[in-house]
């Protein structure tokens, strides 16, 4: 069962970064308690922590539009509102998604700070909720600094009546990362020994995301990242982390085995395949013939380290990224992203770019292709390259989305480990890096290697994590964004410049505090 968030509505009047704070917390109408009263109940901190996780459910709903749509993986249909402008790196500072992504992260941060500000009141059996709050505060600031670059780091619940927001200016990127890493490390201490729940922050997730932050900061600390990731990978059985992977049965042909692995790959995302093995002997034909659907029973698996839960409930009252900021729970059917699921095709925003379809083919990616690309679209595209080819990773109806959103999975940890070992080198034969890299390749039905280059690692990450909002940040982290996106922009008549790696700082935030925040260069 995925229902882990209690129906808890934090009655804050939230608007972007700061707001005045009302005292009431609506647990389950008609009962209402003040925060002070709630914190004295047996499970008050648990309910507050659930509220933090619930608030985060709205964050992924903008992420695809602002992150993946600005990579070379996808394109937007030219007739769909402002999405083509985002895809073309022509983002308006007044864009609604730019504002709501920022404010939804800040809303979650405020909920986390409510727990952290009161942490000394937490009973012994609820100390883990403080660790969860530090984790979520770090994660949201990690989202913000990667998207907007120079952002405030808000470490307390702010009172607008005291102009406390003026104590939180935009910080240099490196300073924000230092605070993020500190928060993740604090969460590690609080979460040590806590039973793992993949729908909640955990020690293992905090270790891995701290390592990712070390790799993402302006001056990467490869050594610290390597040590953290090694502590998880060398003890993966203790953490119960592994790839979903079926060992080969000698009786299977190559294509039959690829089909088995393709089902494994789809299962990572909680998807169930209905159909069969394709009888075609052509390498240009997909190895599976059938359809994917979400199966909640598959969503908790060894590869998932931390994910955000969504439940399927038919309702016209679902919550989306732009729902009222006080309406944290309306139903359990909150959609993690219209863009990624069935709603995406009608909006025309999760269409694979022609560039990506050159590397994501049944021949080159026999395992990943069936779980990534809608085969019927691809078949039509092969005859007419103007046909839209859609994503197959998230097959559920976007309005009542059931697919969970995976924040971190073990394949990412393995490839981040390779990245940390590579460091500033262009290639490595280090056996630890080769083993980690080959684990991911073998699950993808690809040949093992004895040497891995930085270019090969970046290419592997592109096909493994497409539609998971990783590509743009990978390009930035590897120092390849300007080269790759300039070429992509030129080829597709887009408007990328080196300043467009980052989003504009939301104009709404600038207007709320005149002469305080600065707009990012290029906007």
Protein backbone atom coordinates (compact mmCIF):
# COMPACT_ATOMS: atom_id res chain seq x y z
CA UNK A 1 0.00 0.00 0.00
CA UNK A 2 1.25 3.47 -0.82
CA UNK A 3 -0.91 5.53 1.52
CA UNK A 4 1.72 6.81 3.91
CA UNK A 5 0.77 10.48 4.24
CA UNK A 6 -1.93 11.28 6.74
CA UNK A 7 -4.63 13.72 5.71
CA UNK A 8 -3.02 16.67 7.34
CA UNK A 9 -3.42 20.24 6.23
CA UNK A 10 -0.93 22.71 7.59
CA UNK A 11 -2.96 25.87 7.78
CA UNK A 12 -0.27 28.31 6.83
CA UNK A 13 -1.17 31.09 4.43
CA UNK A 14 1.75 30.30 2.12
CA UNK A 15 2.85 32.58 -0.64
CA UNK A 16 6.25 31.89 -2.11
CA UNK A 17 9.10 32.53 0.31
CA UNK A 18 7.47 34.01 3.41
CA UNK A 19 4.03 34.52 4.83
CA UNK A 20 2.25 35.35 7.99
CA UNK A 21 1.62 32.20 9.99
CA UNK A 22 -1.81 31.22 11.23
CA UNK A 23 -1.95 29.04 14.32
CA UNK A 24 -4.48 26.49 13.24
CA UNK A 25 -3.56 23.04 11.97
CA UNK A 26 -6.49 21.11 10.55
CA UNK A 27 -5.92 17.42 11.24
CA UNK A 28 -9.28 15.95 10.40
CA UNK A 29 -12.24 18.28 10.44
CA UNK A 30 -13.92 19.35 12.64
CA UNK A 31 -11.00 18.82 15.07
CA UNK A 32 -8.38 21.58 14.91
CA UNK A 33 -5.30 22.05 17.06
CA UNK A 34 -2.75 24.79 17.31
CA UNK A 35 0.81 23.82 16.48
CA UNK A 36 1.68 24.16 20.17
CA UNK A 37 -1.07 21.71 21.07
CA UNK A 38 -0.17 19.36 18.25
CA UNK A 39 3.44 19.13 19.37
CA UNK A 40 2.30 17.86 22.74
CA UNK A 41 0.33 14.94 21.28
CA UNK A 42 1.77 11.45 21.04
CA UNK A 43 2.24 11.60 17.27
CA UNK A 44 2.42 15.34 16.61
CA UNK A 45 5.88 15.27 15.06
CA UNK A 46 4.93 12.32 12.88
CA UNK A 47 1.96 14.27 11.54
CA UNK A 48 4.09 17.33 10.91
CA UNK A 49 6.66 15.20 9.07
CA UNK A 50 3.91 13.66 6.96
CA UNK A 51 2.88 17.21 6.12
CA UNK A 52 6.39 17.92 4.83
CA UNK A 53 6.27 14.87 2.56
CA UNK A 54 2.78 15.73 1.43
CA UNK A 55 3.82 19.28 0.54
CA UNK A 56 6.61 17.87 -1.62
CA UNK A 57 4.09 15.95 -3.73
CA UNK A 58 3.46 19.14 -5.70
CA UNK A 59 7.13 19.75 -6.53
CA UNK A 60 7.63 17.17 -9.35
CA UNK A 61 4.61 18.53 -11.22
CA UNK A 62 6.69 21.44 -12.58
CA UNK A 63 10.03 19.73 -12.73
CA UNK A 64 9.72 18.05 -16.11
CA UNK A 65 8.54 21.28 -17.76
CA UNK A 66 11.44 23.29 -16.39
CA UNK A 67 14.28 20.76 -16.35
CA UNK A 68 13.88 17.89 -18.81
CA UNK A 69 12.16 20.13 -21.36
CA UNK A 70 15.30 22.29 -21.43
CA UNK A 71 17.55 19.36 -22.32
CA UNK A 72 18.37 17.72 -25.65
CA UNK A 73 16.19 14.71 -24.77
CA UNK A 74 12.78 16.13 -25.57
CA UNK A 75 10.85 18.76 -27.47
CA UNK A 76 7.50 20.49 -27.13
CA UNK A 77 4.71 20.52 -29.68
CA UNK A 78 4.70 23.96 -31.31
CA UNK A 79 0.99 24.49 -30.62
CA UNK A 80 1.06 24.09 -26.83
CA UNK A 81 1.10 27.38 -24.98
CA UNK A 82 4.35 28.53 -23.41
CA UNK A 83 5.94 25.07 -23.36
CA UNK A 84 7.69 25.57 -26.72
CA UNK A 85 9.21 28.77 -25.30
CA UNK A 86 10.62 26.84 -22.33
CA UNK A 87 11.93 24.18 -24.69
CA UNK A 88 13.53 26.93 -26.82
CA UNK A 89 15.36 28.45 -23.79
CA UNK A 90 13.18 31.55 -24.06
CA UNK A 91 11.73 31.48 -20.55
CA UNK A 92 9.87 34.53 -19.24
CA UNK A 93 10.62 35.50 -15.60
CA UNK A 94 6.84 35.82 -15.17
CA UNK A 95 6.26 32.25 -16.30
CA UNK A 96 3.83 30.49 -13.95
CA UNK A 97 5.81 27.25 -13.76
CA UNK A 98 8.98 29.17 -12.89
CA UNK A 99 7.14 30.78 -9.98
CA UNK A 100 5.25 27.73 -8.70
CA UNK A 101 8.29 25.45 -8.79
CA UNK A 102 10.13 27.94 -6.62
CA UNK A 103 7.21 28.52 -4.24
CA UNK A 104 6.33 24.82 -3.93
CA UNK A 105 9.89 24.04 -2.87
CA UNK A 106 9.80 26.97 -0.46
CA UNK A 107 6.48 25.77 0.91
CA UNK A 108 8.01 22.38 1.68
CA UNK A 109 11.01 24.09 3.27
CA UNK A 110 8.68 26.05 5.54
CA UNK A 111 6.97 22.84 6.66
CA UNK A 112 10.39 21.27 7.31
CA UNK A 113 11.48 24.30 9.29
CA UNK A 114 8.40 23.98 11.50
CA UNK A 115 9.74 20.60 12.62
CA UNK A 116 13.35 21.78 12.90
CA UNK A 117 12.47 24.92 14.86
CA UNK A 118 10.70 22.72 17.43
CA UNK A 119 13.15 19.79 17.32
CA UNK A 120 14.03 19.96 21.02
CA UNK A 121 10.42 19.10 21.85
CA UNK A 122 10.46 15.89 19.81
CA UNK A 123 10.10 12.76 21.95
CA UNK A 124 12.75 10.06 21.64
CA UNK A 125 10.58 7.82 19.45
CA UNK A 126 9.97 10.69 16.99
CA UNK A 127 13.52 12.03 16.68
CA UNK A 128 13.61 10.50 13.20
CA UNK A 129 11.13 13.15 12.04
CA UNK A 130 13.75 15.81 12.70
CA UNK A 131 16.13 13.91 10.43
CA UNK A 132 13.41 13.73 7.79
CA UNK A 133 12.91 17.49 8.05
CA UNK A 134 16.62 18.23 7.60
CA UNK A 135 16.66 15.84 4.62
CA UNK A 136 13.69 17.49 2.93
CA UNK A 137 15.02 20.99 3.57
CA UNK A 138 18.28 19.96 1.94
CA UNK A 139 16.52 18.31 -1.00
CA UNK A 140 14.37 21.35 -1.74
CA UNK A 141 17.32 23.73 -1.60
CA UNK A 142 19.21 21.27 -3.84
CA UNK A 143 16.35 21.55 -6.33
CA UNK A 144 16.43 25.34 -6.15
CA UNK A 145 20.17 25.93 -6.43
CA UNK A 146 20.43 23.64 -9.46
CA UNK A 147 17.49 25.32 -11.16
CA UNK A 148 18.05 29.01 -10.29
CA UNK A 149 21.72 28.99 -9.15
CA UNK A 150 21.93 31.82 -6.56
CA UNK A 151 19.08 31.40 -4.08
CA UNK A 152 18.40 32.11 -0.40
CA UNK A 153 18.92 29.31 2.08
CA UNK A 154 16.01 29.56 4.50
CA UNK A 155 16.73 27.84 7.81
CA UNK A 156 13.77 28.92 9.96
CA UNK A 157 10.06 29.71 9.71
CA UNK A 158 9.97 33.36 8.72
CA UNK A 159 7.58 35.97 10.08
CA UNK A 160 6.80 38.55 7.43
CA UNK A 161 5.62 41.02 10.06
CA UNK A 162 9.22 41.34 11.22
CA UNK A 163 10.75 41.65 7.75
CA UNK A 164 12.78 38.51 8.45
CA UNK A 165 12.97 37.74 4.73
CA UNK A 166 15.48 40.57 4.43
CA UNK A 167 17.88 38.43 6.47
CA UNK A 168 17.89 35.83 3.68
CA UNK A 169 19.43 37.24 0.50
CA UNK A 170 20.46 35.24 -2.52
CA UNK A 171 23.70 33.45 -1.66
CA UNK A 172 26.60 32.44 -3.88
CA UNK A 173 26.05 28.96 -5.27
CA UNK A 174 28.94 27.47 -3.26
CA UNK A 175 27.51 28.78 0.02
CA UNK A 176 24.13 27.20 -0.69
CA UNK A 177 25.77 23.85 -1.42
CA UNK A 178 27.72 23.96 1.84
CA UNK A 179 24.47 24.39 3.76
CA UNK A 180 22.74 21.65 1.76
CA UNK A 181 25.54 19.18 2.49
CA UNK A 182 25.47 20.16 6.16
CA UNK A 183 21.71 19.47 6.31
CA UNK A 184 22.09 16.08 4.62
CA UNK A 185 24.83 15.15 7.08
CA UNK A 186 22.68 16.23 10.02
CA UNK A 187 19.86 14.07 8.69
CA UNK A 188 22.24 11.09 8.47
CA UNK A 189 22.89 11.34 12.21
CA UNK A 190 19.19 11.53 13.07
CA UNK A 191 18.22 8.71 10.70
CA UNK A 192 20.95 6.29 11.74
CA UNK A 193 19.32 3.07 12.89
CA UNK A 194 15.84 4.05 11.70
CA UNK A 195 13.96 1.31 9.81
CA UNK A 196 13.98 1.97 6.10
CA UNK A 197 10.83 3.10 4.31
CA UNK A 198 11.42 3.96 0.67
CA UNK A 199 8.63 6.53 0.82
CA UNK A 200 10.43 8.39 3.59
CA UNK A 201 13.91 9.90 3.89
CA UNK A 202 16.52 7.40 5.06
CA UNK A 203 20.15 7.34 6.09
CA UNK A 204 21.15 5.68 2.81
CA UNK A 205 19.29 8.25 0.72
CA UNK A 206 20.86 11.10 2.69
CA UNK A 207 24.37 9.69 2.19
CA UNK A 208 23.86 9.34 -1.56
CA UNK A 209 22.29 12.77 -2.04
CA UNK A 210 25.04 14.41 0.03
CA UNK A 211 27.50 12.78 -2.40
CA UNK A 212 25.52 14.08 -5.36
CA UNK A 213 25.63 17.57 -3.86
CA UNK A 214 29.41 17.26 -3.46
CA UNK A 215 29.63 16.41 -7.17
CA UNK A 216 27.24 19.21 -8.20
CA UNK A 217 28.83 22.14 -6.37
CA UNK A 218 30.95 24.63 -8.36
CA UNK A 219 34.18 23.00 -7.15
CA UNK A 220 33.31 19.31 -6.88
CA UNK A 221 34.71 17.34 -3.96
CA UNK A 222 35.26 14.00 -5.65
CA UNK A 223 37.03 12.45 -2.68
CA UNK A 224 34.21 13.06 -0.22
CA UNK A 225 31.61 11.91 -2.76
CA UNK A 226 33.59 8.72 -3.42
CA UNK A 227 33.83 7.89 0.29
CA UNK A 228 30.12 8.41 0.87
CA UNK A 229 29.05 6.40 -2.17
CA UNK A 230 31.50 3.60 -1.38
CA UNK A 231 30.00 3.29 2.10
CA UNK A 232 26.66 2.47 0.48
CA UNK A 233 27.77 0.39 -2.51
CA UNK A 234 30.14 -1.77 -0.47
CA UNK A 235 27.28 -2.42 1.96
CA UNK A 236 24.40 -2.50 -0.51
CA UNK A 237 23.09 -5.76 0.89
CA UNK A 238 22.83 -4.15 4.34
CA UNK A 239 20.88 -1.26 2.87
CA UNK A 240 18.89 -3.68 0.69
CA UNK A 241 19.77 -1.74 -2.48
CA UNK A 242 20.35 -3.45 -5.81
CA UNK A 243 19.42 -3.27 -9.48
CA UNK A 244 16.36 -5.19 -10.65
CA UNK A 245 18.18 -7.71 -12.79
CA UNK A 246 17.56 -11.29 -13.94
CA UNK A 247 20.57 -13.52 -14.48
CA UNK A 248 20.70 -15.10 -17.92
CA UNK A 249 19.29 -18.57 -18.51
CA UNK A 250 21.51 -20.31 -21.06
CA UNK A 251 18.45 -21.58 -22.91
CA UNK A 252 17.34 -18.06 -23.90
CA UNK A 253 18.22 -16.42 -27.18
CA UNK A 254 19.64 -12.89 -27.08
CA UNK A 255 16.29 -11.35 -27.95
CA UNK A 256 14.44 -13.45 -25.41
CA UNK A 257 16.89 -12.38 -22.72
CA UNK A 258 16.63 -8.73 -23.79
CA UNK A 259 12.86 -9.04 -23.40
CA UNK A 260 13.29 -10.36 -19.86
CA UNK A 261 15.60 -7.48 -18.98
CA UNK A 262 13.23 -4.97 -20.59
CA UNK A 263 10.48 -6.13 -18.24
CA UNK A 264 12.93 -5.77 -15.34
CA UNK A 265 13.69 -2.20 -16.42
CA UNK A 266 10.01 -1.28 -16.66
CA UNK A 267 9.35 -2.81 -13.24
CA UNK A 268 11.78 -0.30 -11.69
CA UNK A 269 9.17 2.40 -12.31
CA UNK A 270 6.30 0.32 -11.00
CA UNK A 271 5.13 -0.65 -14.48
CA UNK A 272 3.71 -4.01 -15.46
CA UNK A 273 3.97 -5.34 -19.00
CA UNK A 274 0.99 -7.00 -20.65
CA UNK A 275 1.81 -8.78 -23.87
CA UNK A 276 4.60 -11.02 -25.01
CA UNK A 277 7.95 -11.47 -26.62
CA UNK A 278 8.14 -10.16 -30.16
CA UNK A 279 8.65 -12.98 -32.63
CA UNK A 280 10.45 -10.69 -35.05
CA UNK A 281 14.08 -11.59 -35.68
CA UNK A 282 14.93 -8.05 -36.80
CA UNK A 283 17.17 -6.06 -34.47
CA UNK A 284 15.32 -2.96 -35.63
CA UNK A 285 12.09 -4.24 -34.02
CA UNK A 286 11.44 -3.94 -30.27
CA UNK A 287 11.81 -7.15 -28.27
CA UNK A 288 8.41 -6.69 -26.57
CA UNK A 289 4.97 -6.57 -28.15
CA UNK A 290 2.34 -5.19 -25.77
CA UNK A 291 1.57 -2.37 -23.34
CA UNK A 292 2.69 -1.01 -19.97
CA UNK A 293 0.47 -0.07 -17.05
CA UNK A 294 1.23 1.03 -13.51
CA UNK A 295 1.14 -1.69 -10.85
CA UNK A 296 1.54 -0.32 -7.30
CA UNK A 297 2.78 -3.72 -6.16
CA UNK A 298 5.96 -3.23 -8.21
CA UNK A 299 6.77 0.28 -6.97
CA UNK A 300 8.53 -0.77 -3.79
CA UNK A 301 11.62 -2.58 -5.04
CA UNK A 302 15.31 -2.87 -4.23
CA UNK A 303 16.36 -0.33 -6.84
CA UNK A 304 14.24 2.50 -5.45
CA UNK A 305 16.02 4.35 -2.63
CA UNK A 306 13.60 7.25 -2.15
CA UNK A 307 10.40 8.05 -3.97
CA UNK A 308 7.32 10.23 -3.58
CA UNK A 309 4.09 8.23 -3.38
CA UNK A 310 0.97 8.93 -5.41
CA UNK A 311 -2.24 6.91 -5.22
CA UNK A 312 -4.87 6.39 -7.91
CA UNK A 313 -8.24 7.79 -6.82
CA UNK A 314 -10.78 8.82 -9.44
CA UNK A 315 -11.74 12.38 -8.55
CA UNK A 316 -12.16 15.80 -10.07
CA UNK A 317 -10.49 17.20 -6.96
CA UNK A 318 -6.90 16.15 -7.58
CA UNK A 319 -4.01 18.39 -6.54
CA UNK A 320 -1.56 19.77 -9.11
CA UNK A 321 1.45 22.06 -8.98
CA UNK A 322 -0.67 25.20 -9.16
CA UNK A 323 -3.33 24.22 -6.64
CA UNK A 324 -3.81 26.65 -3.79
CA UNK A 325 -0.73 26.57 -1.60
CA UNK A 326 -2.88 25.88 1.44
CA UNK A 327 -4.60 22.91 -0.20
CA UNK A 328 -1.92 20.36 0.54
CA UNK A 329 -4.23 17.36 0.59
CA UNK A 330 -7.41 17.22 -1.42
CA UNK A 331 -7.33 13.54 -2.43
CA UNK A 332 -4.74 10.79 -2.66
CA UNK A 333 -4.80 11.14 -6.43
CA UNK A 334 -2.30 13.95 -6.74
CA UNK A 335 -0.54 13.82 -10.09
CA UNK A 336 3.23 13.97 -10.03
CA UNK A 337 3.27 15.47 -13.51
CA UNK A 338 0.78 16.04 -16.27
CA UNK A 339 3.76 16.35 -18.57
CA UNK A 340 5.13 12.86 -18.04
CA UNK A 341 1.98 10.79 -18.09
CA UNK A 342 -0.99 10.33 -20.40
CA UNK A 343 -1.82 14.02 -20.09
CA UNK A 344 1.53 14.79 -21.68
CA UNK A 345 0.60 13.71 -25.20
CA UNK A 346 -2.42 16.03 -25.18
CA UNK A 347 -0.16 18.87 -24.04
CA UNK A 348 2.56 17.76 -26.43
CA UNK A 349 5.43 18.24 -24.01
CA UNK A 350 6.99 14.83 -23.51
CA UNK A 351 7.96 14.20 -27.12
CA UNK A 352 11.38 12.66 -27.74
CA UNK A 353 13.69 14.90 -29.73
CA UNK A 354 15.01 13.61 -33.07
CA UNK A 355 18.50 13.83 -31.55
CA UNK A 356 17.53 11.49 -28.74
CA UNK A 357 15.86 9.04 -31.11
CA UNK A 358 19.19 8.62 -32.88
CA UNK A 359 20.61 6.98 -29.76
CA UNK A 360 17.45 5.42 -28.31
CA UNK A 361 16.72 2.75 -30.89
CA UNK A 362 15.78 -0.93 -30.61
CA UNK A 363 19.18 -1.87 -32.05
CA UNK A 364 21.30 0.31 -29.75
CA UNK A 365 19.15 -0.03 -26.63
CA UNK A 366 17.23 -3.33 -26.89
CA UNK A 367 16.39 -3.33 -23.17
CA UNK A 368 15.78 0.34 -22.38
CA UNK A 369 13.89 1.15 -25.57
CA UNK A 370 10.66 -0.81 -24.80
CA UNK A 371 10.35 0.75 -21.34
CA UNK A 372 11.17 4.28 -22.50
CA UNK A 373 9.59 4.95 -25.88
CA UNK A 374 6.11 4.20 -27.20
CA UNK A 375 6.89 1.69 -29.91
CA UNK A 376 3.92 2.52 -32.16
CA UNK A 377 4.95 6.17 -32.24
CA UNK A 378 8.53 5.19 -33.03
CA UNK A 379 7.42 2.93 -35.84
CA UNK A 380 5.46 5.77 -37.41
CA UNK A 381 8.39 8.16 -36.84
CA UNK A 382 10.66 5.81 -38.78
CA UNK A 383 8.58 6.57 -41.87
CA UNK A 384 7.84 10.23 -41.06
CA UNK A 385 10.20 12.13 -38.76
CA UNK A 386 7.53 14.74 -38.01
CA UNK A 387 5.52 12.17 -35.97
CA UNK A 388 5.45 12.77 -32.22
CA UNK A 389 7.15 9.99 -30.23
CA UNK A 390 6.05 9.89 -26.60
CA UNK A 391 7.43 8.65 -23.29
CA UNK A 392 6.49 5.18 -22.01
CA UNK A 393 8.00 5.37 -18.50
CA UNK A 394 4.88 6.89 -16.93
CA UNK A 395 1.83 5.23 -18.52
CA UNK A 396 -0.91 6.29 -16.06
CA UNK A 397 -3.49 8.99 -16.76
CA UNK A 398 -1.91 12.28 -15.71
CA UNK A 399 -5.02 13.69 -14.03
CA UNK A 400 -5.20 10.88 -11.50
CA UNK A 401 -1.58 9.82 -11.63
CA UNK A 402 -0.63 6.56 -9.92
CA UNK A 403 3.04 6.34 -10.85
CA UNK A 404 5.31 7.26 -7.97
CA UNK A 405 8.05 9.82 -8.57
CA UNK A 406 11.50 8.30 -7.98
CA UNK A 407 13.85 10.84 -6.45
CA UNK A 408 16.81 8.45 -6.20
CA UNK A 409 17.50 4.91 -7.42
CA UNK A 410 20.45 2.56 -7.16
CA UNK A 411 21.49 2.84 -10.83
CA UNK A 412 22.11 6.54 -10.17
CA UNK A 413 24.25 5.71 -7.14
CA UNK A 414 26.38 3.30 -9.17
CA UNK A 415 27.01 5.81 -11.94
CA UNK A 416 27.65 8.65 -9.48
CA UNK A 417 30.31 6.40 -7.94
CA UNK A 418 31.96 6.04 -11.35
CA UNK A 419 31.85 9.83 -11.69
CA UNK A 420 33.46 10.35 -8.28
CA UNK A 421 36.25 7.88 -9.05
CA UNK A 422 36.89 9.49 -12.44
CA UNK A 423 37.21 12.88 -10.77
CA UNK A 424 39.06 15.23 -13.10
CA UNK A 425 40.40 12.38 -15.27
CA UNK A 426 39.01 11.70 -18.73
CA UNK A 427 39.01 7.91 -18.29
CA UNK A 428 39.65 5.18 -15.74
CA UNK A 429 40.39 1.47 -15.50
CA UNK A 430 39.78 1.47 -11.74
CA UNK A 431 38.14 -1.88 -11.01
CA UNK A 432 35.57 -0.32 -8.67
CA UNK A 433 34.38 2.10 -11.34
CA UNK A 434 34.38 -0.58 -14.04
CA UNK A 435 32.33 -2.95 -11.88
CA UNK A 436 29.75 -0.27 -11.05
CA UNK A 437 29.51 0.85 -14.67
CA UNK A 438 29.16 -2.71 -15.96
CA UNK A 439 26.37 -3.51 -13.52
CA UNK A 440 24.23 -0.86 -15.18
CA UNK A 441 25.28 -1.90 -18.68
CA UNK A 442 24.59 -5.59 -18.11
CA UNK A 443 21.06 -4.82 -16.95
CA UNK A 444 20.69 -2.83 -20.18
CA UNK A 445 21.78 -5.85 -22.26
CA UNK A 446 25.03 -4.16 -23.30
CA UNK A 447 28.57 -5.49 -23.41
CA UNK A 448 30.93 -5.05 -20.48
CA UNK A 449 33.87 -2.65 -20.80
CA UNK A 450 37.37 -2.60 -19.30
CA UNK A 451 37.80 1.16 -19.51
CA UNK A 452 35.27 3.94 -19.06
CA UNK A 453 35.60 7.52 -20.25
CA UNK A 454 33.77 10.59 -18.99
CA UNK A 455 32.00 10.89 -22.36
CA UNK A 456 30.84 7.28 -22.14
CA UNK A 457 29.56 7.83 -18.61
CA UNK A 458 27.60 10.91 -19.66
CA UNK A 459 26.14 8.99 -22.62
CA UNK A 460 25.16 6.07 -20.38
CA UNK A 461 23.40 8.41 -17.96
CA UNK A 462 21.43 9.96 -20.81
CA UNK A 463 19.82 6.72 -21.94
CA UNK A 464 19.39 5.30 -18.43
CA UNK A 465 17.68 8.35 -16.90
CA UNK A 466 15.80 9.98 -19.77
CA UNK A 467 12.47 11.50 -18.60
CA UNK A 468 13.77 11.46 -15.00
CA UNK A 469 14.92 15.11 -15.03
CA UNK A 470 18.61 14.27 -14.86
CA UNK A 471 20.01 15.21 -18.26
CA UNK A 472 20.29 19.00 -17.91
CA UNK A 473 21.94 18.73 -14.51
CA UNK A 474 24.29 16.01 -15.80
CA UNK A 475 25.40 18.30 -18.63
CA UNK A 476 26.02 21.16 -16.20
CA UNK A 477 27.88 18.94 -13.74
CA UNK A 478 30.10 17.46 -16.47
CA UNK A 479 30.83 20.92 -17.92
CA UNK A 480 29.22 19.96 -21.22
CA UNK A 481 26.02 22.03 -21.17
CA UNK A 482 27.28 24.86 -23.37
CA UNK A 483 28.74 22.58 -26.03
CA UNK A 484 25.86 20.11 -26.21
CA UNK A 485 22.99 22.57 -25.87
CA UNK A 486 24.51 25.12 -28.25
CA UNK A 487 24.77 22.43 -30.93
CA UNK A 488 21.25 21.20 -30.13
CA UNK A 489 19.92 24.74 -30.23
CA UNK A 490 21.58 25.53 -33.55
CA UNK A 491 20.28 22.32 -35.12
CA UNK A 492 16.73 22.98 -33.94
CA UNK A 493 16.59 26.80 -34.28
CA UNK A 494 16.38 27.39 -30.52
CA UNK A 495 17.81 30.21 -28.39
CA UNK A 496 20.28 28.66 -25.95
CA UNK A 497 23.08 30.83 -24.56
CA UNK A 498 25.47 29.98 -21.74
CA UNK A 499 23.35 32.06 -19.33
CA UNK A 500 20.25 29.97 -20.05
CA UNK A 501 21.54 26.94 -18.15
CA UNK A 502 19.60 28.38 -15.24
CA UNK A 503 16.05 29.58 -14.98
CA UNK A 504 15.19 33.22 -14.43
CA UNK A 505 14.66 34.10 -10.78
CA UNK A 506 10.86 34.33 -10.43
CA UNK A 507 9.70 37.86 -11.10
CA UNK A 508 7.04 37.42 -8.43
CA UNK A 509 9.74 37.05 -5.80
CA UNK A 510 11.58 40.14 -7.05
CA UNK A 511 8.36 42.16 -6.99
CA UNK A 512 7.53 40.99 -3.45
CA UNK A 513 10.82 42.41 -2.15
CA UNK A 514 11.79 45.31 -4.46
CA UNK A 515 15.51 46.03 -4.79
CA UNK A 516 16.41 42.93 -2.78
CA UNK A 517 16.65 40.00 -5.18
CA UNK A 518 18.61 40.24 -8.43
CA UNK A 519 17.50 38.75 -11.72
CA UNK A 520 19.79 36.12 -13.23
CA UNK A 521 21.99 37.12 -16.13
CA UNK A 522 20.42 36.69 -19.54
CA UNK A 523 16.87 37.57 -18.44
